[in-house]
Amino acid sequence: MFSASAAALPALKDFPVKPSAIDRYAMALRPAVDSSSRCLLYLAYDHPKAPDFADRFTLFVSGCGSGCAEFCVIDRVTGSVFPGFGFNGGPDFEFSRESRLVIVRHTDGMYGESNPYYADCYLWEGDHFRFFGRWVSMYGEAPKGKQIDWRPAASRFSSPSPQTRQPRKPHRRGQRGRPGSFFHPGRSSFDHMDYCAGVSAFHAVALTWIAHTYCTSSSSLDVSGVS
């Protein structure tokens, strides 16, 4: 039995799952949530495919294009969608169909040589995730392609963050959700995604205004002396 207090970062093989035969892969049943998000939009374009996580599931990852990402889990037998978590700091997800462990490596949003680089571990319990532990290193060691010296994070970092609280039960087609209820109580991990979408929309409006102002100013220049 692997212990979260061990010095070494756990590996996927430490929590094995034996894949089973699935005759037909189900399409994701898009959950109903009172909040628009990029992840929910992407789920609408899901198509049946072979599972890639914990035997019968697909780990569905979507990003906002600015260093944040979130994921959910699709049951390829029933089509049910289960909540996952959202992350900042350019997360990288490690998972396998032969394991129920997910390792998420990410920064705290800063990419300096001495800034922390985290490895958060989550165990799939059949219908929800359980936070298993956090390991930490320095980001400067990550891009060098060498063995990273992971060590258990200090106790004040090892407890689940707001993004790792116990999620509610999954929503199925036809059910009405409440704000923030898809990923966890009180605060939706879609919040950051929606924020990024809002920022992108603001940038688009600002650039349109600048272009319009520039073109208008250019068209009013006195070019009578130009032959």
C-alpha atoms as a PDB file:
ATOM      1  CA  MET A   1       0.000   0.000   0.000  1.00  0.00           C
ATOM      2  CA  PHE A   2       1.419   3.336  -1.049  1.00  0.00           C
ATOM      3  CA  SER A   3       1.626   6.000   1.661  1.00  0.00           C
ATOM      4  CA  ALA A   4       1.147   9.672   0.886  1.00  0.00           C
ATOM      5  CA  SER A   5       3.781  10.452   3.489  1.00  0.00           C
ATOM      6  CA  ALA A   6       6.425   8.591   1.498  1.00  0.00           C
ATOM      7  CA  ALA A   7       9.218  10.686   0.059  1.00  0.00           C
ATOM      8  CA  ALA A   8       8.764   9.546  -3.539  1.00  0.00           C
ATOM      9  CA  LEU A   9       6.085  10.893  -5.841  1.00  0.00           C
ATOM     10  CA  PRO A  10       3.601   8.068  -6.508  1.00  0.00           C
ATOM     11  CA  ALA A  11       3.465   6.464  -9.928  1.00  0.00           C
ATOM     12  CA  LEU A  12       0.431   5.429 -11.936  1.00  0.00           C
ATOM     13  CA  LYS A  13       1.382   1.774 -11.512  1.00  0.00           C
ATOM     14  CA  ASP A  14       0.997   2.105  -7.727  1.00  0.00           C
ATOM     15  CA  PHE A  15      -2.802   2.191  -8.170  1.00  0.00           C
ATOM     16  CA  PRO A  16      -3.525  -0.350 -10.908  1.00  0.00           C
ATOM     17  CA  VAL A  17      -6.835  -0.988 -12.630  1.00  0.00           C
ATOM     18  CA  LYS A  18      -7.528  -3.939 -14.916  1.00  0.00           C
ATOM     19  CA  PRO A  19      -9.230  -2.818 -18.152  1.00  0.00           C
ATOM     20  CA  SER A  20     -12.446  -4.613 -19.042  1.00  0.00           C
ATOM     21  CA  ALA A  21     -14.123  -5.249 -22.383  1.00  0.00           C
ATOM     22  CA  ILE A  22     -16.648  -2.601 -23.468  1.00  0.00           C
ATOM     23  CA  ASP A  23     -18.885  -3.457 -26.412  1.00  0.00           C
ATOM     24  CA  ARG A  24     -20.083   0.057 -27.189  1.00  0.00           C
ATOM     25  CA  TYR A  25     -18.697   3.428 -26.112  1.00  0.00           C
ATOM     26  CA  ALA A  26     -21.245   5.965 -24.884  1.00  0.00           C
ATOM     27  CA  MET A  27     -21.322   9.646 -25.819  1.00  0.00           C
ATOM     28  CA  ALA A  28     -21.099  12.175 -22.995  1.00  0.00           C
ATOM     29  CA  LEU A  29     -24.428  13.357 -21.579  1.00  0.00           C
ATOM     30  CA  ARG A  30     -23.835  17.080 -21.308  1.00  0.00           C
ATOM     31  CA  PRO A  31     -24.488  18.261 -17.722  1.00  0.00           C
ATOM     32  CA  ALA A  32     -26.808  21.198 -17.095  1.00  0.00           C
ATOM     33  CA  VAL A  33     -25.118  24.087 -15.283  1.00  0.00           C
ATOM     34  CA  ASP A  34     -26.278  27.668 -14.807  1.00  0.00           C
ATOM     35  CA  SER A  35     -22.979  28.999 -16.091  1.00  0.00           C
ATOM     36  CA  SER A  36     -21.514  29.091 -19.566  1.00  0.00           C
ATOM     37  CA  SER A  37     -18.055  27.612 -19.867  1.00  0.00           C
ATOM     38  CA  ARG A  38     -15.652  26.405 -22.472  1.00  0.00           C
ATOM     39  CA  CYS A  39     -15.575  22.909 -21.015  1.00  0.00           C
ATOM     40  CA  LEU A  40     -19.339  22.539 -21.302  1.00  0.00           C
ATOM     41  CA  LEU A  41     -19.168  23.831 -24.857  1.00  0.00           C
ATOM     42  CA  TYR A  42     -16.521  21.274 -25.763  1.00  0.00           C
ATOM     43  CA  LEU A  43     -18.603  18.463 -24.247  1.00  0.00           C
ATOM     44  CA  ALA A  44     -21.259  19.183 -26.851  1.00  0.00           C
ATOM     45  CA  TYR A  45     -18.773  18.006 -29.494  1.00  0.00           C
ATOM     46  CA  ASP A  46     -17.786  14.826 -27.695  1.00  0.00           C
ATOM     47  CA  HIS A  47     -17.927  11.611 -29.697  1.00  0.00           C
ATOM     48  CA  PRO A  48     -17.779   7.996 -28.509  1.00  0.00           C
ATOM     49  CA  LYS A  49     -14.199   6.820 -28.211  1.00  0.00           C
ATOM     50  CA  ALA A  50     -12.152   4.308 -26.279  1.00  0.00           C
ATOM     51  CA  PRO A  51     -11.655   5.129 -22.585  1.00  0.00           C
ATOM     52  CA  ASP A  52      -8.237   6.313 -21.433  1.00  0.00           C
ATOM     53  CA  PHE A  53      -8.617   6.438 -17.649  1.00  0.00           C
ATOM     54  CA  ALA A  54      -9.423   3.942 -14.858  1.00  0.00           C
ATOM     55  CA  ASP A  55     -10.826   1.229 -17.141  1.00  0.00           C
ATOM     56  CA  ARG A  56     -14.118   2.672 -18.453  1.00  0.00           C
ATOM     57  CA  PHE A  57     -13.626   6.441 -18.272  1.00  0.00           C
ATOM     58  CA  THR A  58     -12.299   9.272 -20.415  1.00  0.00           C
ATOM     59  CA  LEU A  59     -10.434  12.137 -18.786  1.00  0.00           C
ATOM     60  CA  PHE A  60     -11.775  15.121 -20.721  1.00  0.00           C
ATOM     61  CA  VAL A  61      -9.429  18.125 -20.538  1.00  0.00           C
ATOM     62  CA  SER A  62     -10.153  21.604 -21.884  1.00  0.00           C
ATOM     63  CA  GLY A  63      -8.157  24.815 -21.637  1.00  0.00           C
ATOM     64  CA  CYS A  64      -8.775  28.542 -21.933  1.00  0.00           C
ATOM     65  CA  GLY A  65      -5.674  29.263 -23.999  1.00  0.00           C
ATOM     66  CA  SER A  66      -3.917  31.257 -21.270  1.00  0.00           C
ATOM     67  CA  GLY A  67      -2.285  28.660 -19.026  1.00  0.00           C
ATOM     68  CA  CYS A  68      -5.382  27.323 -17.260  1.00  0.00           C
ATOM     69  CA  ALA A  69      -7.191  24.033 -17.774  1.00  0.00           C
ATOM     70  CA  GLU A  70      -9.938  21.972 -16.218  1.00  0.00           C
ATOM     71  CA  PHE A  71     -11.093  18.424 -16.604  1.00  0.00           C
ATOM     72  CA  CYS A  72     -14.065  16.169 -16.040  1.00  0.00           C
ATOM     73  CA  VAL A  73     -14.567  12.417 -16.331  1.00  0.00           C
ATOM     74  CA  ILE A  74     -16.866  10.697 -18.855  1.00  0.00           C
ATOM     75  CA  ASP A  75     -18.203   7.211 -18.193  1.00  0.00           C
ATOM     76  CA  ARG A  76     -17.980   5.486 -21.572  1.00  0.00           C
ATOM     77  CA  VAL A  77     -20.521   2.861 -20.514  1.00  0.00           C
ATOM     78  CA  THR A  78     -23.347   5.123 -19.280  1.00  0.00           C
ATOM     79  CA  GLY A  79     -22.357   8.530 -20.675  1.00  0.00           C
ATOM     80  CA  SER A  80     -22.493  10.173 -17.237  1.00  0.00           C
ATOM     81  CA  VAL A  81     -20.171  13.121 -16.690  1.00  0.00           C
ATOM     82  CA  PHE A  82     -18.418  13.458 -13.333  1.00  0.00           C
ATOM     83  CA  PRO A  83     -16.747  16.647 -12.077  1.00  0.00           C
ATOM     84  CA  GLY A  84     -13.017  17.143 -11.895  1.00  0.00           C
ATOM     85  CA  PHE A  85     -11.014  20.252 -11.042  1.00  0.00           C
ATOM     86  CA  GLY A  86      -9.581  23.409 -12.557  1.00  0.00           C
ATOM     87  CA  PHE A  87      -5.940  24.522 -12.455  1.00  0.00           C
ATOM     88  CA  ASN A  88      -3.779  27.508 -13.320  1.00  0.00           C
ATOM     89  CA  GLY A  89      -0.061  27.546 -14.024  1.00  0.00           C
ATOM     90  CA  GLY A  90       0.104  25.529 -17.251  1.00  0.00           C
ATOM     91  CA  PRO A  91      -1.050  22.156 -15.880  1.00  0.00           C
ATOM     92  CA  ASP A  92       0.186  18.885 -17.346  1.00  0.00           C
ATOM     93  CA  PHE A  93      -1.969  15.790 -16.733  1.00  0.00           C
ATOM     94  CA  GLU A  94      -0.612  12.279 -16.354  1.00  0.00           C
ATOM     95  CA  PHE A  95      -3.090   9.382 -16.338  1.00  0.00           C
ATOM     96  CA  SER A  96      -3.727   5.968 -17.844  1.00  0.00           C
ATOM     97  CA  ARG A  97      -6.523   3.478 -18.445  1.00  0.00           C
ATOM     98  CA  GLU A  98      -4.596   1.017 -16.297  1.00  0.00           C
ATOM     99  CA  SER A  99      -4.581   3.315 -13.239  1.00  0.00           C
ATOM    100  CA  ARG A 100      -7.004   5.276 -11.064  1.00  0.00           C
ATOM    101  CA  LEU A 101      -4.381   7.903 -10.187  1.00  0.00           C
ATOM    102  CA  VAL A 102      -4.190  11.329 -11.840  1.00  0.00           C
ATOM    103  CA  ILE A 103      -1.061  13.451 -11.400  1.00  0.00           C
ATOM    104  CA  VAL A 104      -1.356  17.142 -12.250  1.00  0.00           C
ATOM    105  CA  ARG A 105       1.904  19.074 -12.520  1.00  0.00           C
ATOM    106  CA  HIS A 106       1.615  22.848 -12.477  1.00  0.00           C
ATOM    107  CA  THR A 107       3.137  26.077 -11.206  1.00  0.00           C
ATOM    108  CA  ASP A 108       1.577  28.759  -9.025  1.00  0.00           C
ATOM    109  CA  GLY A 109       1.387  31.013 -12.076  1.00  0.00           C
ATOM    110  CA  MET A 110       5.030  32.104 -11.903  1.00  0.00           C
ATOM    111  CA  TYR A 111       7.707  30.525 -14.072  1.00  0.00           C
ATOM    112  CA  GLY A 112      10.987  31.629 -12.496  1.00  0.00           C
ATOM    113  CA  GLU A 113      13.830  29.209 -11.882  1.00  0.00           C
ATOM    114  CA  SER A 114      13.193  29.166  -8.130  1.00  0.00           C
ATOM    115  CA  ASN A 115       9.386  29.242  -8.220  1.00  0.00           C
ATOM    116  CA  PRO A 116       7.547  26.174  -6.893  1.00  0.00           C
ATOM    117  CA  TYR A 117       6.480  23.415  -9.260  1.00  0.00           C
ATOM    118  CA  TYR A 118       3.722  21.202  -7.862  1.00  0.00           C
ATOM    119  CA  ALA A 119       2.557  17.664  -8.466  1.00  0.00           C
ATOM    120  CA  ASP A 120      -0.979  17.198  -7.115  1.00  0.00           C
ATOM    121  CA  CYS A 121      -2.246  13.636  -6.903  1.00  0.00           C
ATOM    122  CA  TYR A 122      -5.893  12.555  -7.034  1.00  0.00           C
ATOM    123  CA  LEU A 123      -7.389   9.081  -6.679  1.00  0.00           C
ATOM    124  CA  TRP A 124     -10.534   8.101  -8.533  1.00  0.00           C
ATOM    125  CA  GLU A 125     -13.053   6.427  -6.211  1.00  0.00           C
ATOM    126  CA  GLY A 126     -15.563   5.303  -8.820  1.00  0.00           C
ATOM    127  CA  ASP A 127     -17.736   8.421  -8.856  1.00  0.00           C
ATOM    128  CA  HIS A 128     -15.523  11.172  -7.416  1.00  0.00           C
ATOM    129  CA  PHE A 129     -11.900  12.121  -6.792  1.00  0.00           C
ATOM    130  CA  ARG A 130     -10.077  12.025  -3.475  1.00  0.00           C
ATOM    131  CA  PHE A 131      -7.146  14.358  -2.911  1.00  0.00           C
ATOM    132  CA  PHE A 132      -4.149  12.130  -2.188  1.00  0.00           C
ATOM    133  CA  GLY A 133      -1.291  14.564  -1.650  1.00  0.00           C
ATOM    134  CA  ARG A 134       0.932  17.294  -3.024  1.00  0.00           C
ATOM    135  CA  TRP A 135       4.603  17.106  -3.912  1.00  0.00           C
ATOM    136  CA  VAL A 136       6.763  20.098  -4.759  1.00  0.00           C
ATOM    137  CA  SER A 137      10.001  20.934  -6.546  1.00  0.00           C
ATOM    138  CA  MET A 138      11.398  24.017  -8.304  1.00  0.00           C
ATOM    139  CA  TYR A 139      10.212  25.014 -11.739  1.00  0.00           C
ATOM    140  CA  GLY A 140      13.810  25.494 -12.849  1.00  0.00           C
ATOM    141  CA  GLU A 141      14.281  21.727 -12.691  1.00  0.00           C
ATOM    142  CA  ALA A 142      11.232  20.935 -14.834  1.00  0.00           C
ATOM    143  CA  PRO A 143      12.314  22.043 -18.353  1.00  0.00           C
ATOM    144  CA  LYS A 144      15.746  20.430 -18.165  1.00  0.00           C
ATOM    145  CA  GLY A 145      14.485  16.927 -18.866  1.00  0.00           C
ATOM    146  CA  LYS A 146      16.246  15.422 -15.889  1.00  0.00           C
ATOM    147  CA  GLN A 147      14.876  13.499 -12.925  1.00  0.00           C
ATOM    148  CA  ILE A 148      12.954  15.984 -10.804  1.00  0.00           C
ATOM    149  CA  ASP A 149      13.636  15.911  -7.080  1.00  0.00           C
ATOM    150  CA  TRP A 150      10.060  15.751  -5.798  1.00  0.00           C
ATOM    151  CA  ARG A 151       9.422  15.998  -2.079  1.00  0.00           C
ATOM    152  CA  PRO A 152       6.200  16.062  -0.038  1.00  0.00           C
ATOM    153  CA  ALA A 153       4.897  19.601   0.276  1.00  0.00           C
ATOM    154  CA  ALA A 154       4.793  21.285   3.681  1.00  0.00           C
ATOM    155  CA  SER A 155       1.661  20.547   5.671  1.00  0.00           C
ATOM    156  CA  ARG A 156       0.239  23.981   5.010  1.00  0.00           C
ATOM    157  CA  PHE A 157       0.233  23.177   1.293  1.00  0.00           C
ATOM    158  CA  SER A 158      -0.856  19.545   1.515  1.00  0.00           C
ATOM    159  CA  SER A 159      -4.527  20.101   2.321  1.00  0.00           C
ATOM    160  CA  PRO A 160      -6.963  20.336  -0.596  1.00  0.00           C
ATOM    161  CA  SER A 161      -7.390  23.774  -2.116  1.00  0.00           C
ATOM    162  CA  PRO A 162     -10.875  25.156  -2.894  1.00  0.00           C
ATOM    163  CA  GLN A 163     -10.626  23.439  -6.272  1.00  0.00           C
ATOM    164  CA  THR A 164     -10.232  20.050  -4.573  1.00  0.00           C
ATOM    165  CA  ARG A 165     -13.270  20.015  -2.333  1.00  0.00           C
ATOM    166  CA  GLN A 166     -15.649  17.090  -2.513  1.00  0.00           C
ATOM    167  CA  PRO A 167     -17.734  17.571  -5.670  1.00  0.00           C
ATOM    168  CA  ARG A 168     -21.453  17.052  -5.811  1.00  0.00           C
ATOM    169  CA  LYS A 169     -23.088  14.149  -7.576  1.00  0.00           C
ATOM    170  CA  PRO A 170     -22.838  14.205 -11.372  1.00  0.00           C
ATOM    171  CA  HIS A 171     -25.537  15.883 -13.417  1.00  0.00           C
ATOM    172  CA  ARG A 172     -27.297  13.967 -16.144  1.00  0.00           C
ATOM    173  CA  ARG A 173     -29.279  15.140 -19.099  1.00  0.00           C
ATOM    174  CA  GLY A 174     -32.487  16.872 -18.077  1.00  0.00           C
ATOM    175  CA  GLN A 175     -31.318  17.824 -14.594  1.00  0.00           C
ATOM    176  CA  ARG A 176     -31.002  21.477 -13.678  1.00  0.00           C
ATOM    177  CA  GLY A 177     -27.849  22.555 -11.918  1.00  0.00           C
ATOM    178  CA  ARG A 178     -27.143  25.409  -9.538  1.00  0.00           C
ATOM    179  CA  PRO A 179     -24.358  27.976  -9.908  1.00  0.00           C
ATOM    180  CA  GLY A 180     -21.102  26.358  -8.900  1.00  0.00           C
ATOM    181  CA  SER A 181     -22.632  22.941  -8.334  1.00  0.00           C
ATOM    182  CA  PHE A 182     -21.004  21.021 -11.182  1.00  0.00           C
ATOM    183  CA  PHE A 183     -17.453  21.011  -9.894  1.00  0.00           C
ATOM    184  CA  HIS A 184     -17.774  21.729  -6.184  1.00  0.00           C
ATOM    185  CA  PRO A 185     -20.004  23.577  -3.708  1.00  0.00           C
ATOM    186  CA  GLY A 186     -19.827  27.327  -3.386  1.00  0.00           C
ATOM    187  CA  ARG A 187     -17.439  28.111  -6.175  1.00  0.00           C
ATOM    188  CA  SER A 188     -17.347  26.741  -9.673  1.00  0.00           C
ATOM    189  CA  SER A 189     -14.003  25.847 -11.180  1.00  0.00           C
ATOM    190  CA  PHE A 190     -15.542  27.241 -14.335  1.00  0.00           C
ATOM    191  CA  ASP A 191     -15.152  30.698 -12.741  1.00  0.00           C
ATOM    192  CA  HIS A 192     -11.612  31.157 -14.027  1.00  0.00           C
ATOM    193  CA  MET A 193     -12.547  29.863 -17.460  1.00  0.00           C
ATOM    194  CA  ASP A 194     -15.429  32.313 -17.649  1.00  0.00           C
ATOM    195  CA  TYR A 195     -13.089  35.074 -16.475  1.00  0.00           C
ATOM    196  CA  CYS A 196     -10.634  34.246 -19.259  1.00  0.00           C
ATOM    197  CA  ALA A 197     -13.458  34.217 -21.796  1.00  0.00           C
ATOM    198  CA  GLY A 198     -14.543  37.651 -20.521  1.00  0.00           C
ATOM    199  CA  VAL A 199     -11.008  39.004 -20.771  1.00  0.00           C
ATOM    200  CA  SER A 200     -10.720  37.657 -24.313  1.00  0.00           C
ATOM    201  CA  ALA A 201     -14.003  39.343 -25.253  1.00  0.00           C
ATOM    202  CA  PHE A 202     -12.785  42.617 -23.711  1.00  0.00           C
ATOM    203  CA  HIS A 203      -9.562  42.416 -25.703  1.00  0.00           C
ATOM    204  CA  ALA A 204     -11.505  41.787 -28.901  1.00  0.00           C
ATOM    205  CA  VAL A 205     -13.720  44.828 -28.283  1.00  0.00           C
ATOM    206  CA  ALA A 206     -10.716  46.996 -27.387  1.00  0.00           C
ATOM    207  CA  LEU A 207      -8.802  45.983 -30.515  1.00  0.00           C
ATOM    208  CA  THR A 208     -11.879  46.620 -32.667  1.00  0.00           C
ATOM    209  CA  TRP A 209     -12.242  50.084 -31.160  1.00  0.00           C
ATOM    210  CA  ILE A 210      -8.550  50.867 -31.700  1.00  0.00           C
ATOM    211  CA  ALA A 211      -8.700  49.686 -35.310  1.00  0.00           C
ATOM    212  CA  HIS A 212     -11.852  51.708 -35.955  1.00  0.00           C
ATOM    213  CA  THR A 213     -10.345  54.847 -34.387  1.00  0.00           C
ATOM    214  CA  TYR A 214      -7.113  54.470 -36.345  1.00  0.00           C
ATOM    215  CA  CYS A 215      -8.887  53.902 -39.652  1.00  0.00           C
ATOM    216  CA  THR A 216     -11.199  56.860 -39.038  1.00  0.00           C
ATOM    217  CA  SER A 217      -8.248  59.115 -38.181  1.00  0.00           C
ATOM    218  CA  SER A 218      -6.312  57.940 -41.212  1.00  0.00           C
ATOM    219  CA  SER A 219      -9.209  58.571 -43.584  1.00  0.00           C
ATOM    220  CA  SER A 220      -9.527  62.186 -42.345  1.00  0.00           C
ATOM    221  CA  LEU A 221      -5.895  63.120 -43.088  1.00  0.00           C
ATOM    222  CA  ASP A 222      -5.305  65.906 -45.589  1.00  0.00           C
ATOM    223  CA  VAL A 223      -3.847  64.229 -48.640  1.00  0.00           C
ATOM    224  CA  SER A 224      -4.537  67.075 -51.084  1.00  0.00           C
ATOM    225  CA  GLY A 225      -0.837  67.751 -51.536  1.00  0.00           C
ATOM    226  CA  VAL A 226      -0.017  64.180 -52.398  1.00  0.00           C
ATOM    227  CA  SER A 227       0.344  63.655 -56.137  1.00  0.00           C
END
